[in-house]
């Protein structure tokens, strides 16, 4: 399985793959599994970085593809599978050193790189959704399909988790003699 930067082929006959993360119940990347998402011979396959296949489902068993702020969701019966597309951002503001014009120049370059990575991830998400939508089966009757979390809910959850971790660290450091 190889990662391809080429557009996905409808039908998945030649095989298509891209970096992705499988999100858990809380859809933030802190609780995600890195791997490769591929579409080959009518099957959606997610393999961890060490090529261990975690998910291998025929597309005709799947339904209801929806884009989300971080990637897309696809349903397999009542089970919702959440994927964040693209590579994890490699830039961070924490690496800025210095002050003045030099620090501002570094921050500007990192911000531009982060925006470029976000746009590439969004384009990849849109590509996956456009390819998968006509290939999946119909939604089972009577099944309720929930929409993905909006961006504000993702941001609020991320802040809440970060504050909980910080609070735990502060509590532990104050409680420990």
Foldseek 3Di string as FASTA:
>chain_A
DDADPDFQDAQCDVKHKFWKWWADPQRDCVRTATFMWMAHNQWTWTAGPVRHTDDIGGQQQKADWDAALQAIWIGRQQDIIDMGGHDDQPADLVPQDDDDPRSVVVVVVSVVSVVVRSVSSVVNRVSVRVRSHVSHHYHDPPHDDDDDDHPVVSVVVVVVVVVVVVVVVVVVVVVPD
